[in-house]
């Protein structure tokens, strides 16, 4: 009996190391609205980012959706609401227009249809509700240079070429996807990681002067639900 692509991907999450699910994304804090009470995170891992947000004292309700059984089990201890499973296959028992903030941090690229997922999430947000997404940049030099010069497109356990990624985005296509789903982009954080050594100096110069997106490994985007 053939094993579907989706089944293989679901199983691969169970082999991720603990750090994959436990990291708190502090960089999203500055993108949060001034007033909010409820935050839902799709792909919440162990709930570390949600717990960090709640610790700031502004948020009274935190909820999550998580595909990894072990990570979900840990998150359940700390969240007000937790659903275990694949978001694309779930029906969330939540009222429309009931949430202030939704987080999708390195999640949409793992989905078969992130466009449909965004439309579903939009319905859960209040008017002017905030969506914060982070998406890896497939235009990063670590992907392009091996592809151009060595004909290499190698999947890895984590990072831009994570073997569980189903979709790939640039900054332009990320914004286009959000706009098409009914969101207006308000702010962007461009994460750039260029290692040391002489071999990286040219890449750093090129990325900062001629092609900024060449050195952006990830885009963290704050967008607002259009009325």
N, C-alpha and C. Protein backbone atom coordinates (compact mmCIF):
# COMPACT_ATOMS: atom_id res chain seq x y z
N UNK A 1 0.85 -1.20 0.00
CA UNK A 1 0.00 0.00 0.00
C UNK A 1 0.88 1.25 0.00
N UNK A 2 0.63 2.15 -0.90
CA UNK A 2 1.46 3.35 -1.01
C UNK A 2 1.20 4.30 0.14
N UNK A 3 2.25 4.95 0.60
CA UNK A 3 2.14 5.93 1.67
C UNK A 3 2.05 7.31 1.03
N UNK A 4 1.05 8.08 1.38
CA UNK A 4 0.85 9.40 0.78
C UNK A 4 1.94 10.36 1.22
N UNK A 5 2.14 11.41 0.40
CA UNK A 5 3.11 12.45 0.74
C UNK A 5 2.74 13.11 2.06
N UNK A 6 1.44 13.35 2.28
CA UNK A 6 0.99 13.99 3.52
C UNK A 6 1.31 13.14 4.73
N UNK A 7 1.12 11.82 4.62
CA UNK A 7 1.41 10.92 5.75
C UNK A 7 2.88 10.94 6.09
N UNK A 8 3.74 10.95 5.08
CA UNK A 8 5.18 10.98 5.33
C UNK A 8 5.58 12.26 6.04
N UNK A 9 4.98 13.37 5.63
CA UNK A 9 5.30 14.65 6.25
C UNK A 9 4.81 14.68 7.68
N UNK A 10 3.60 14.19 7.94
CA UNK A 10 3.08 14.15 9.30
C UNK A 10 4.01 13.37 10.21
N UNK A 11 4.49 12.23 9.73
CA UNK A 11 5.38 11.39 10.52
C UNK A 11 6.72 12.07 10.77
N UNK A 12 7.19 12.87 9.82
CA UNK A 12 8.50 13.49 9.96
C UNK A 12 8.55 14.50 11.09
N UNK A 13 7.40 15.08 11.48
CA UNK A 13 7.38 16.00 12.60
C UNK A 13 7.73 15.29 13.90
N UNK A 14 7.44 14.02 13.97
CA UNK A 14 7.70 13.28 15.19
C UNK A 14 9.20 13.05 15.41
N UNK A 15 10.00 13.25 14.36
CA UNK A 15 11.45 13.04 14.49
C UNK A 15 12.20 14.34 14.73
N UNK A 16 11.50 15.47 14.76
CA UNK A 16 12.16 16.75 15.02
C UNK A 16 12.68 16.78 16.46
N UNK A 17 13.82 17.44 16.66
CA UNK A 17 14.34 17.54 18.01
C UNK A 17 13.51 18.55 18.82
N UNK A 18 13.66 18.49 20.13
CA UNK A 18 12.82 19.29 21.02
C UNK A 18 12.96 20.79 20.78
N UNK A 19 14.17 21.21 20.42
CA UNK A 19 14.39 22.63 20.18
C UNK A 19 13.55 23.19 19.05
N UNK A 20 13.15 22.33 18.13
CA UNK A 20 12.32 22.75 17.00
C UNK A 20 10.98 23.27 17.49
N UNK A 21 10.49 22.76 18.63
CA UNK A 21 9.16 23.11 19.13
C UNK A 21 9.18 24.01 20.37
N UNK A 22 10.36 24.22 20.96
CA UNK A 22 10.41 24.91 22.26
C UNK A 22 10.89 26.35 22.19
N UNK A 23 11.33 26.79 21.02
CA UNK A 23 11.91 28.13 20.90
C UNK A 23 10.84 29.21 21.00
N UNK A 24 11.08 30.23 21.85
CA UNK A 24 10.17 31.37 21.97
C UNK A 24 10.59 32.45 20.99
N UNK A 25 9.67 32.92 20.19
CA UNK A 25 9.97 33.90 19.15
C UNK A 25 9.84 35.32 19.68
N UNK A 26 10.87 35.79 20.33
CA UNK A 26 10.85 37.11 20.96
C UNK A 26 10.72 38.24 19.94
N UNK A 27 11.14 37.99 18.70
CA UNK A 27 11.13 39.06 17.71
C UNK A 27 9.71 39.51 17.33
N UNK A 28 8.69 38.73 17.68
CA UNK A 28 7.33 39.14 17.32
C UNK A 28 6.75 40.14 18.32
N UNK A 29 7.38 40.31 19.46
CA UNK A 29 6.83 41.16 20.52
C UNK A 29 6.59 42.58 20.04
N UNK A 30 7.55 43.13 19.30
CA UNK A 30 7.43 44.52 18.84
C UNK A 30 6.33 44.69 17.79
N UNK A 31 5.84 43.60 17.22
CA UNK A 31 4.81 43.68 16.19
C UNK A 31 3.40 43.53 16.77
N UNK A 32 3.30 43.21 18.03
CA UNK A 32 1.98 43.04 18.65
C UNK A 32 1.27 44.39 18.77
N UNK A 33 -0.05 44.38 18.68
CA UNK A 33 -0.78 45.65 18.84
C UNK A 33 -0.70 46.17 20.26
N UNK A 34 -1.06 47.44 20.45
CA UNK A 34 -0.99 48.03 21.79
C UNK A 34 -2.04 47.44 22.72
N UNK A 35 -3.19 47.10 22.16
CA UNK A 35 -4.28 46.54 22.96
C UNK A 35 -4.70 45.19 22.38
N UNK A 36 -4.66 44.15 23.18
CA UNK A 36 -5.12 42.84 22.74
C UNK A 36 -5.37 41.97 23.96
N UNK A 37 -6.28 41.03 23.82
CA UNK A 37 -6.61 40.13 24.92
C UNK A 37 -6.44 38.65 24.56
N UNK A 38 -6.62 38.34 23.29
CA UNK A 38 -6.58 36.93 22.88
C UNK A 38 -5.60 36.71 21.73
N UNK A 39 -4.82 35.62 21.84
CA UNK A 39 -3.84 35.26 20.82
C UNK A 39 -3.94 33.77 20.52
N UNK A 40 -4.09 33.44 19.26
CA UNK A 40 -4.05 32.06 18.80
C UNK A 40 -2.81 31.86 17.96
N UNK A 41 -2.08 30.78 18.22
CA UNK A 41 -0.91 30.47 17.41
C UNK A 41 -1.12 29.13 16.71
N UNK A 42 -1.04 29.16 15.38
CA UNK A 42 -1.10 27.94 14.59
C UNK A 42 0.32 27.42 14.45
N UNK A 43 0.54 26.19 14.94
CA UNK A 43 1.90 25.67 15.01
C UNK A 43 2.60 26.20 16.24
N UNK A 44 1.95 26.04 17.39
CA UNK A 44 2.43 26.67 18.63
C UNK A 44 3.57 25.93 19.29
N UNK A 45 3.92 24.72 18.79
CA UNK A 45 4.97 23.96 19.45
C UNK A 45 4.60 23.67 20.89
N UNK A 46 5.53 23.90 21.78
CA UNK A 46 5.28 23.68 23.21
C UNK A 46 4.63 24.88 23.88
N UNK A 47 4.30 25.90 23.11
CA UNK A 47 3.63 27.07 23.66
C UNK A 47 4.55 28.12 24.21
N UNK A 48 5.83 28.06 23.89
CA UNK A 48 6.81 28.98 24.48
C UNK A 48 6.56 30.44 24.08
N UNK A 49 6.24 30.67 22.82
CA UNK A 49 5.99 32.04 22.38
C UNK A 49 4.72 32.60 23.02
N UNK A 50 3.68 31.80 23.09
CA UNK A 50 2.43 32.23 23.72
C UNK A 50 2.64 32.54 25.20
N UNK A 51 3.40 31.73 25.87
CA UNK A 51 3.66 31.96 27.30
C UNK A 51 4.47 33.25 27.49
N UNK A 52 5.40 33.52 26.57
CA UNK A 52 6.16 34.76 26.63
C UNK A 52 5.23 35.95 26.47
N UNK A 53 4.33 35.88 25.51
CA UNK A 53 3.38 36.97 25.28
C UNK A 53 2.50 37.19 26.50
N UNK A 54 2.00 36.11 27.06
CA UNK A 54 1.12 36.23 28.23
C UNK A 54 1.86 36.82 29.42
N UNK A 55 3.15 36.54 29.52
CA UNK A 55 3.94 37.05 30.64
C UNK A 55 4.06 38.57 30.62
N UNK A 56 3.77 39.19 29.48
CA UNK A 56 3.84 40.65 29.37
C UNK A 56 2.66 41.32 30.06
N UNK A 57 1.63 40.53 30.37
CA UNK A 57 0.51 41.05 31.13
C UNK A 57 -0.61 41.65 30.33
N UNK A 58 -0.51 41.63 29.00
CA UNK A 58 -1.55 42.23 28.17
C UNK A 58 -2.59 41.22 27.71
N UNK A 59 -2.26 39.95 27.75
CA UNK A 59 -3.07 38.92 27.13
C UNK A 59 -3.70 38.02 28.19
N UNK A 60 -5.02 37.87 28.13
CA UNK A 60 -5.72 37.05 29.12
C UNK A 60 -6.06 35.66 28.60
N UNK A 61 -5.93 35.45 27.27
CA UNK A 61 -6.29 34.16 26.68
C UNK A 61 -5.27 33.79 25.61
N UNK A 62 -4.72 32.59 25.71
CA UNK A 62 -3.79 32.10 24.70
C UNK A 62 -4.22 30.71 24.26
N UNK A 63 -4.21 30.48 22.97
CA UNK A 63 -4.60 29.19 22.42
C UNK A 63 -3.69 28.78 21.30
N UNK A 64 -3.67 27.49 21.01
CA UNK A 64 -2.78 27.01 19.97
C UNK A 64 -3.30 25.80 19.23
N UNK A 65 -2.71 25.57 18.07
CA UNK A 65 -2.92 24.38 17.27
C UNK A 65 -1.54 23.79 17.00
N UNK A 66 -1.37 22.50 17.23
CA UNK A 66 -0.05 21.88 17.08
C UNK A 66 -0.18 20.46 16.54
N UNK A 67 0.63 20.16 15.53
CA UNK A 67 0.57 18.87 14.86
C UNK A 67 1.37 17.78 15.59
N UNK A 68 2.41 18.19 16.32
CA UNK A 68 3.25 17.21 17.03
C UNK A 68 2.60 16.78 18.34
N UNK A 69 2.43 15.49 18.51
CA UNK A 69 1.77 14.97 19.71
C UNK A 69 2.52 15.35 20.99
N UNK A 70 3.83 15.18 20.99
CA UNK A 70 4.61 15.47 22.19
C UNK A 70 4.61 16.97 22.51
N UNK A 71 4.78 17.79 21.49
CA UNK A 71 4.78 19.25 21.72
C UNK A 71 3.41 19.71 22.20
N UNK A 72 2.35 19.15 21.60
CA UNK A 72 0.99 19.52 22.00
C UNK A 72 0.72 19.13 23.45
N UNK A 73 1.24 18.00 23.85
CA UNK A 73 1.04 17.54 25.22
C UNK A 73 1.66 18.52 26.22
N UNK A 74 2.81 19.06 25.89
CA UNK A 74 3.45 20.04 26.77
C UNK A 74 2.71 21.37 26.73
N UNK A 75 2.31 21.80 25.55
CA UNK A 75 1.61 23.08 25.42
C UNK A 75 0.29 23.07 26.18
N UNK A 76 -0.37 21.94 26.18
CA UNK A 76 -1.69 21.83 26.82
C UNK A 76 -1.64 22.19 28.30
N UNK A 77 -0.49 22.03 28.91
CA UNK A 77 -0.35 22.32 30.34
C UNK A 77 -0.44 23.81 30.63
N UNK A 78 -0.20 24.64 29.62
CA UNK A 78 -0.04 26.07 29.85
C UNK A 78 -1.06 26.95 29.13
N UNK A 79 -1.76 26.41 28.14
CA UNK A 79 -2.64 27.23 27.32
C UNK A 79 -4.09 27.12 27.77
N UNK A 80 -4.88 28.11 27.39
CA UNK A 80 -6.31 28.09 27.67
C UNK A 80 -7.06 27.20 26.69
N UNK A 81 -6.45 27.00 25.52
CA UNK A 81 -7.11 26.26 24.44
C UNK A 81 -6.04 25.59 23.60
N UNK A 82 -6.18 24.31 23.33
CA UNK A 82 -5.19 23.59 22.53
C UNK A 82 -5.89 22.52 21.70
N UNK A 83 -5.62 22.54 20.40
CA UNK A 83 -6.11 21.50 19.50
C UNK A 83 -4.91 20.81 18.88
N UNK A 84 -4.87 19.50 19.01
CA UNK A 84 -3.78 18.73 18.42
C UNK A 84 -4.18 18.22 17.05
N UNK A 85 -3.33 18.44 16.07
CA UNK A 85 -3.61 17.95 14.73
C UNK A 85 -3.17 18.92 13.65
N UNK A 86 -3.43 18.53 12.43
CA UNK A 86 -3.10 19.33 11.25
C UNK A 86 -4.18 20.38 11.04
N UNK A 87 -3.81 21.65 11.09
CA UNK A 87 -4.78 22.73 10.96
C UNK A 87 -5.63 22.59 9.70
N UNK A 88 -5.02 22.14 8.61
CA UNK A 88 -5.73 22.05 7.35
C UNK A 88 -6.82 20.97 7.37
N UNK A 89 -6.74 20.07 8.35
CA UNK A 89 -7.71 18.98 8.43
C UNK A 89 -8.69 19.16 9.59
N UNK A 90 -8.52 20.26 10.34
CA UNK A 90 -9.31 20.46 11.54
C UNK A 90 -10.42 21.48 11.34
N UNK A 91 -11.46 21.30 12.11
CA UNK A 91 -12.51 22.32 12.24
C UNK A 91 -12.41 22.87 13.66
N UNK A 92 -11.98 24.11 13.80
CA UNK A 92 -11.80 24.69 15.13
C UNK A 92 -13.13 25.15 15.70
N UNK A 93 -13.37 24.77 16.93
CA UNK A 93 -14.61 25.17 17.62
C UNK A 93 -14.41 26.56 18.21
N UNK A 94 -14.40 27.55 17.32
CA UNK A 94 -14.17 28.93 17.72
C UNK A 94 -15.16 29.84 17.01
N UNK A 95 -15.59 30.89 17.66
CA UNK A 95 -16.53 31.83 17.08
C UNK A 95 -15.83 32.72 16.06
N UNK A 96 -16.50 33.03 14.97
CA UNK A 96 -15.94 33.98 14.01
C UNK A 96 -15.71 35.35 14.67
N UNK A 97 -14.70 36.05 14.20
CA UNK A 97 -14.39 37.40 14.68
C UNK A 97 -14.24 37.45 16.20
N UNK A 98 -13.52 36.48 16.75
CA UNK A 98 -13.38 36.40 18.21
C UNK A 98 -11.95 36.62 18.70
N UNK A 99 -11.00 36.74 17.79
CA UNK A 99 -9.60 36.82 18.19
C UNK A 99 -8.98 38.18 17.85
N UNK A 100 -8.08 38.62 18.71
CA UNK A 100 -7.34 39.87 18.47
C UNK A 100 -6.10 39.65 17.61
N UNK A 101 -5.39 38.54 17.87
CA UNK A 101 -4.12 38.27 17.20
C UNK A 101 -4.02 36.80 16.83
N UNK A 102 -3.49 36.53 15.66
CA UNK A 102 -3.17 35.17 15.24
C UNK A 102 -1.71 35.14 14.80
N UNK A 103 -0.98 34.13 15.25
CA UNK A 103 0.42 33.93 14.87
C UNK A 103 0.54 32.72 13.96
N UNK A 104 1.26 32.88 12.87
CA UNK A 104 1.63 31.76 11.99
C UNK A 104 3.12 31.89 11.72
N UNK A 105 3.90 31.37 12.63
CA UNK A 105 5.35 31.57 12.59
C UNK A 105 6.04 30.34 12.00
N UNK A 106 6.50 30.48 10.78
CA UNK A 106 7.13 29.36 10.05
C UNK A 106 6.18 28.17 9.96
N UNK A 107 4.97 28.45 9.54
CA UNK A 107 3.92 27.43 9.46
C UNK A 107 3.33 27.32 8.06
N UNK A 108 3.05 28.45 7.42
CA UNK A 108 2.34 28.44 6.15
C UNK A 108 3.09 27.66 5.07
N UNK A 109 4.40 27.69 5.12
CA UNK A 109 5.17 26.97 4.10
C UNK A 109 5.08 25.46 4.24
N UNK A 110 4.54 25.00 5.37
CA UNK A 110 4.36 23.56 5.60
C UNK A 110 3.00 23.07 5.10
N UNK A 111 2.15 23.98 4.64
CA UNK A 111 0.78 23.63 4.29
C UNK A 111 0.61 23.36 2.80
N UNK A 112 -0.36 22.49 2.50
CA UNK A 112 -0.71 22.23 1.11
C UNK A 112 -1.34 23.46 0.47
N UNK A 113 -2.21 24.14 1.20
CA UNK A 113 -2.92 25.30 0.67
C UNK A 113 -2.90 26.44 1.69
N UNK A 114 -1.78 27.14 1.81
CA UNK A 114 -1.70 28.25 2.77
C UNK A 114 -2.66 29.38 2.43
N UNK A 115 -3.03 29.54 1.17
CA UNK A 115 -3.97 30.58 0.75
C UNK A 115 -5.35 30.34 1.39
N UNK A 116 -5.80 29.10 1.35
CA UNK A 116 -7.07 28.76 1.97
C UNK A 116 -6.97 28.88 3.49
N UNK A 117 -5.84 28.48 4.06
CA UNK A 117 -5.64 28.58 5.50
C UNK A 117 -5.77 30.03 5.96
N UNK A 118 -5.21 30.96 5.21
CA UNK A 118 -5.30 32.38 5.57
C UNK A 118 -6.74 32.89 5.50
N UNK A 119 -7.48 32.41 4.54
CA UNK A 119 -8.88 32.82 4.45
C UNK A 119 -9.66 32.32 5.66
N UNK A 120 -9.36 31.12 6.12
CA UNK A 120 -10.02 30.57 7.31
C UNK A 120 -9.63 31.38 8.55
N UNK A 121 -8.36 31.71 8.66
CA UNK A 121 -7.89 32.46 9.82
C UNK A 121 -8.46 33.87 9.85
N UNK A 122 -8.61 34.47 8.69
CA UNK A 122 -9.17 35.81 8.63
C UNK A 122 -10.55 35.86 9.27
N UNK A 123 -11.34 34.83 9.06
CA UNK A 123 -12.70 34.79 9.61
C UNK A 123 -12.71 34.76 11.14
N UNK A 124 -11.62 34.28 11.74
CA UNK A 124 -11.55 34.19 13.20
C UNK A 124 -11.13 35.50 13.84
N UNK A 125 -10.56 36.41 13.05
CA UNK A 125 -10.07 37.68 13.59
C UNK A 125 -11.17 38.72 13.70
N UNK A 126 -11.07 39.52 14.74
CA UNK A 126 -11.96 40.66 14.88
C UNK A 126 -11.65 41.69 13.79
N UNK A 127 -12.54 42.64 13.54
CA UNK A 127 -12.22 43.73 12.62
C UNK A 127 -10.91 44.41 13.04
N UNK A 128 -10.03 44.61 12.10
CA UNK A 128 -8.70 45.19 12.36
C UNK A 128 -7.81 44.28 13.22
N UNK A 129 -8.18 43.00 13.28
CA UNK A 129 -7.34 42.04 14.00
C UNK A 129 -5.99 41.87 13.31
N UNK A 130 -5.00 41.45 14.07
CA UNK A 130 -3.61 41.37 13.59
C UNK A 130 -3.19 39.94 13.31
N UNK A 131 -2.57 39.73 12.17
CA UNK A 131 -1.95 38.46 11.81
C UNK A 131 -0.45 38.68 11.71
N UNK A 132 0.31 37.87 12.42
CA UNK A 132 1.77 37.94 12.33
C UNK A 132 2.27 36.62 11.75
N UNK A 133 2.94 36.72 10.62
CA UNK A 133 3.47 35.53 9.95
C UNK A 133 4.98 35.64 9.84
N UNK A 134 5.64 34.51 9.79
CA UNK A 134 7.05 34.50 9.40
C UNK A 134 7.21 33.44 8.32
N UNK A 135 7.93 33.81 7.28
CA UNK A 135 8.11 32.93 6.13
C UNK A 135 9.57 32.94 5.71
N UNK A 136 10.16 31.76 5.48
CA UNK A 136 11.55 31.72 5.00
C UNK A 136 11.64 32.22 3.58
N UNK A 137 12.77 32.82 3.26
CA UNK A 137 12.99 33.44 1.96
C UNK A 137 13.77 32.50 1.04
N UNK A 138 13.10 31.96 0.04
CA UNK A 138 13.76 31.02 -0.85
C UNK A 138 14.77 31.71 -1.76
N UNK A 139 14.76 33.05 -1.76
CA UNK A 139 15.72 33.81 -2.55
C UNK A 139 17.04 34.03 -1.81
N UNK A 140 17.15 33.50 -0.61
CA UNK A 140 18.37 33.64 0.18
C UNK A 140 19.56 33.00 -0.53
N UNK A 141 20.73 33.60 -0.33
CA UNK A 141 21.92 33.12 -1.04
C UNK A 141 22.26 31.66 -0.76
N UNK A 142 21.91 31.17 0.42
CA UNK A 142 22.22 29.78 0.76
C UNK A 142 21.43 28.78 -0.08
N UNK A 143 20.35 29.25 -0.68
CA UNK A 143 19.56 28.42 -1.59
C UNK A 143 19.97 28.68 -3.04
N UNK A 144 20.12 29.95 -3.40
CA UNK A 144 20.37 30.30 -4.80
C UNK A 144 21.76 29.88 -5.28
N UNK A 145 22.79 30.11 -4.49
CA UNK A 145 24.14 29.83 -4.98
C UNK A 145 24.36 28.35 -5.27
N UNK A 146 23.98 27.43 -4.37
CA UNK A 146 24.12 26.01 -4.71
C UNK A 146 23.28 25.61 -5.92
N UNK A 147 22.11 26.24 -6.07
CA UNK A 147 21.24 25.91 -7.20
C UNK A 147 21.86 26.37 -8.52
N UNK A 148 22.39 27.60 -8.51
CA UNK A 148 22.93 28.17 -9.75
C UNK A 148 24.26 27.52 -10.15
N UNK A 149 25.15 27.36 -9.16
CA UNK A 149 26.51 26.93 -9.50
C UNK A 149 26.75 25.42 -9.37
N UNK A 150 25.92 24.73 -8.58
CA UNK A 150 26.17 23.30 -8.38
C UNK A 150 24.97 22.41 -8.72
N UNK A 151 23.89 23.04 -9.20
CA UNK A 151 22.69 22.29 -9.55
C UNK A 151 22.17 21.50 -8.36
N UNK A 152 22.25 22.12 -7.16
CA UNK A 152 21.87 21.45 -5.92
C UNK A 152 20.60 22.08 -5.34
N UNK A 153 19.66 21.25 -4.97
CA UNK A 153 18.43 21.65 -4.28
C UNK A 153 18.21 20.58 -3.21
N UNK A 154 18.94 20.71 -2.11
CA UNK A 154 18.99 19.66 -1.09
C UNK A 154 18.12 20.00 0.10
N UNK A 155 17.21 19.10 0.44
CA UNK A 155 16.38 19.30 1.62
C UNK A 155 17.17 18.98 2.88
N UNK A 156 16.78 19.64 3.98
CA UNK A 156 17.49 19.50 5.25
C UNK A 156 16.48 19.25 6.38
N UNK A 157 17.00 19.06 7.58
CA UNK A 157 16.13 18.79 8.72
C UNK A 157 15.46 20.05 9.25
N UNK A 158 16.02 21.20 8.96
CA UNK A 158 15.46 22.48 9.42
C UNK A 158 15.98 23.58 8.51
N UNK A 159 15.42 24.79 8.68
CA UNK A 159 15.86 25.93 7.88
C UNK A 159 15.02 26.14 6.64
N UNK A 160 15.53 26.95 5.72
CA UNK A 160 14.78 27.28 4.51
C UNK A 160 14.42 26.04 3.71
N UNK A 161 15.34 25.09 3.66
CA UNK A 161 15.12 23.87 2.88
C UNK A 161 14.65 22.70 3.75
N UNK A 162 13.93 23.00 4.80
CA UNK A 162 13.33 21.98 5.66
C UNK A 162 12.55 20.99 4.80
N UNK A 163 12.78 19.71 5.04
CA UNK A 163 12.14 18.68 4.21
C UNK A 163 10.63 18.62 4.38
N UNK A 164 10.10 19.29 5.40
CA UNK A 164 8.65 19.33 5.57
C UNK A 164 8.01 20.54 4.91
N UNK A 165 8.79 21.36 4.24
CA UNK A 165 8.24 22.51 3.52
C UNK A 165 7.58 22.05 2.21
N UNK A 166 6.39 22.52 2.00
CA UNK A 166 5.65 22.20 0.78
C UNK A 166 5.56 23.39 -0.16
N UNK A 167 5.69 24.60 0.38
CA UNK A 167 5.58 25.82 -0.41
C UNK A 167 6.79 26.71 -0.15
N UNK A 168 7.16 27.50 -1.15
CA UNK A 168 8.32 28.37 -1.04
C UNK A 168 7.94 29.79 -1.46
N UNK A 169 8.48 30.78 -0.73
CA UNK A 169 8.07 32.16 -0.94
C UNK A 169 9.26 33.11 -0.99
N UNK A 170 9.08 34.19 -1.72
CA UNK A 170 9.96 35.35 -1.66
C UNK A 170 9.20 36.44 -0.92
N UNK A 171 9.82 37.60 -0.74
CA UNK A 171 9.11 38.69 -0.07
C UNK A 171 7.88 39.11 -0.89
N UNK A 172 8.06 39.24 -2.20
CA UNK A 172 6.96 39.68 -3.06
C UNK A 172 5.78 38.72 -3.01
N UNK A 173 6.05 37.42 -3.12
CA UNK A 173 4.95 36.46 -3.14
C UNK A 173 4.32 36.30 -1.75
N UNK A 174 5.09 36.55 -0.70
CA UNK A 174 4.52 36.53 0.65
C UNK A 174 3.49 37.64 0.81
N UNK A 175 3.85 38.84 0.39
CA UNK A 175 2.94 39.98 0.48
C UNK A 175 1.72 39.77 -0.41
N UNK A 176 1.95 39.25 -1.60
CA UNK A 176 0.84 38.99 -2.51
C UNK A 176 -0.16 38.01 -1.91
N UNK A 177 0.34 36.97 -1.27
CA UNK A 177 -0.53 35.98 -0.65
C UNK A 177 -1.38 36.61 0.45
N UNK A 178 -0.76 37.43 1.28
CA UNK A 178 -1.49 38.08 2.37
C UNK A 178 -2.54 39.06 1.83
N UNK A 179 -2.18 39.82 0.81
CA UNK A 179 -3.13 40.76 0.22
C UNK A 179 -4.32 40.03 -0.39
N UNK A 180 -4.05 38.94 -1.08
CA UNK A 180 -5.12 38.17 -1.72
C UNK A 180 -6.08 37.58 -0.70
N UNK A 181 -5.56 37.30 0.49
CA UNK A 181 -6.40 36.71 1.54
C UNK A 181 -7.19 37.76 2.31
N UNK A 182 -6.94 39.02 2.01
CA UNK A 182 -7.70 40.09 2.67
C UNK A 182 -6.98 40.76 3.82
N UNK A 183 -5.64 40.78 3.76
CA UNK A 183 -4.84 41.42 4.80
C UNK A 183 -4.04 42.58 4.20
N UNK A 184 -3.80 43.58 5.02
CA UNK A 184 -2.99 44.73 4.63
C UNK A 184 -1.70 44.73 5.44
N UNK A 185 -0.57 44.68 4.77
CA UNK A 185 0.73 44.61 5.45
C UNK A 185 1.06 45.95 6.08
N UNK A 186 1.45 45.92 7.37
CA UNK A 186 1.77 47.14 8.11
C UNK A 186 3.24 47.26 8.47
N UNK A 187 3.89 46.14 8.73
CA UNK A 187 5.30 46.20 9.14
C UNK A 187 5.99 44.90 8.78
N UNK A 188 7.30 45.00 8.53
CA UNK A 188 8.08 43.83 8.14
C UNK A 188 9.43 43.85 8.86
N UNK A 189 9.81 42.72 9.42
CA UNK A 189 11.15 42.53 9.96
C UNK A 189 11.88 41.58 9.03
N UNK A 190 13.01 42.02 8.51
CA UNK A 190 13.80 41.19 7.62
C UNK A 190 14.99 40.62 8.41
N UNK A 191 14.96 39.33 8.66
CA UNK A 191 16.04 38.68 9.41
C UNK A 191 17.15 38.29 8.45
N UNK A 192 18.34 38.79 8.72
CA UNK A 192 19.49 38.49 7.88
C UNK A 192 20.54 37.76 8.69
N UNK A 193 20.97 36.63 8.19
CA UNK A 193 22.01 35.85 8.86
C UNK A 193 23.10 35.56 7.84
N UNK A 194 24.20 36.24 8.00
CA UNK A 194 25.36 36.02 7.13
C UNK A 194 26.54 35.73 8.03
N UNK A 195 27.08 34.54 7.95
CA UNK A 195 28.16 34.12 8.83
C UNK A 195 29.44 34.90 8.62
N UNK A 196 30.43 34.66 9.48
CA UNK A 196 31.69 35.36 9.38
C UNK A 196 32.62 34.76 8.34
N UNK A 197 33.83 35.27 8.29
CA UNK A 197 34.82 34.76 7.36
C UNK A 197 34.87 35.56 6.07
N UNK A 198 36.01 35.52 5.39
CA UNK A 198 36.20 36.28 4.16
C UNK A 198 35.22 35.88 3.08
N UNK A 199 34.90 34.59 3.05
CA UNK A 199 34.00 34.10 2.01
C UNK A 199 32.62 34.71 2.07
N UNK A 200 32.27 35.27 3.23
CA UNK A 200 30.94 35.87 3.39
C UNK A 200 30.95 37.38 3.17
N UNK A 201 32.10 37.99 3.09
CA UNK A 201 32.17 39.44 2.96
C UNK A 201 31.50 39.93 1.68
N UNK A 202 31.78 39.24 0.58
CA UNK A 202 31.17 39.64 -0.68
C UNK A 202 29.67 39.48 -0.64
N UNK A 203 29.21 38.38 -0.05
CA UNK A 203 27.78 38.13 0.06
C UNK A 203 27.11 39.21 0.89
N UNK A 204 27.76 39.61 1.99
CA UNK A 204 27.20 40.65 2.85
C UNK A 204 27.13 41.98 2.09
N UNK A 205 28.19 42.31 1.38
CA UNK A 205 28.20 43.57 0.61
C UNK A 205 27.13 43.55 -0.46
N UNK A 206 27.02 42.44 -1.18
CA UNK A 206 26.03 42.32 -2.24
C UNK A 206 24.62 42.45 -1.70
N UNK A 207 24.38 41.79 -0.56
CA UNK A 207 23.05 41.81 0.03
C UNK A 207 22.65 43.18 0.54
N UNK A 208 23.61 43.95 1.05
CA UNK A 208 23.31 45.26 1.64
C UNK A 208 23.23 46.37 0.60
N UNK A 209 23.86 46.16 -0.56
CA UNK A 209 23.93 47.24 -1.54
C UNK A 209 23.10 46.99 -2.79
N UNK A 210 23.30 45.84 -3.43
CA UNK A 210 22.66 45.59 -4.71
C UNK A 210 21.39 44.76 -4.61
N UNK A 211 21.35 43.83 -3.71
CA UNK A 211 20.22 42.90 -3.66
C UNK A 211 19.91 42.53 -2.21
N UNK A 212 19.22 43.41 -1.47
CA UNK A 212 18.95 43.17 -0.05
C UNK A 212 18.28 41.83 0.23
N UNK A 213 17.37 41.41 -0.64
CA UNK A 213 16.65 40.16 -0.38
C UNK A 213 17.56 38.93 -0.47
N UNK A 214 18.75 39.11 -1.02
CA UNK A 214 19.70 38.01 -1.16
C UNK A 214 20.18 37.52 0.21
N UNK A 215 20.17 38.42 1.22
CA UNK A 215 20.66 38.07 2.54
C UNK A 215 19.56 37.97 3.59
N UNK A 216 18.33 38.15 3.19
CA UNK A 216 17.21 38.01 4.13
C UNK A 216 16.81 36.55 4.20
N UNK A 217 17.04 35.95 5.36
CA UNK A 217 16.73 34.53 5.51
C UNK A 217 15.26 34.31 5.82
N UNK A 218 14.60 35.35 6.34
CA UNK A 218 13.22 35.19 6.79
C UNK A 218 12.54 36.55 6.86
N UNK A 219 11.24 36.55 6.58
CA UNK A 219 10.44 37.76 6.70
C UNK A 219 9.37 37.55 7.77
N UNK A 220 9.36 38.45 8.74
CA UNK A 220 8.33 38.43 9.77
C UNK A 220 7.41 39.60 9.48
N UNK A 221 6.16 39.30 9.19
CA UNK A 221 5.25 40.29 8.63
C UNK A 221 4.03 40.49 9.53
N UNK A 222 3.78 41.75 9.87
CA UNK A 222 2.57 42.10 10.59
C UNK A 222 1.55 42.63 9.58
N UNK A 223 0.38 42.02 9.56
CA UNK A 223 -0.66 42.49 8.66
C UNK A 223 -1.98 42.59 9.43
N UNK A 224 -2.88 43.39 8.89
CA UNK A 224 -4.16 43.67 9.56
C UNK A 224 -5.31 43.23 8.67
N UNK A 225 -6.31 42.67 9.29
CA UNK A 225 -7.49 42.24 8.55
C UNK A 225 -8.18 43.45 7.93
N UNK A 226 -8.40 43.40 6.62
CA UNK A 226 -9.10 44.48 5.95
C UNK A 226 -10.58 44.43 6.31
N UNK A 227 -11.20 45.58 6.43
CA UNK A 227 -12.62 45.63 6.77
C UNK A 227 -13.49 45.19 5.60
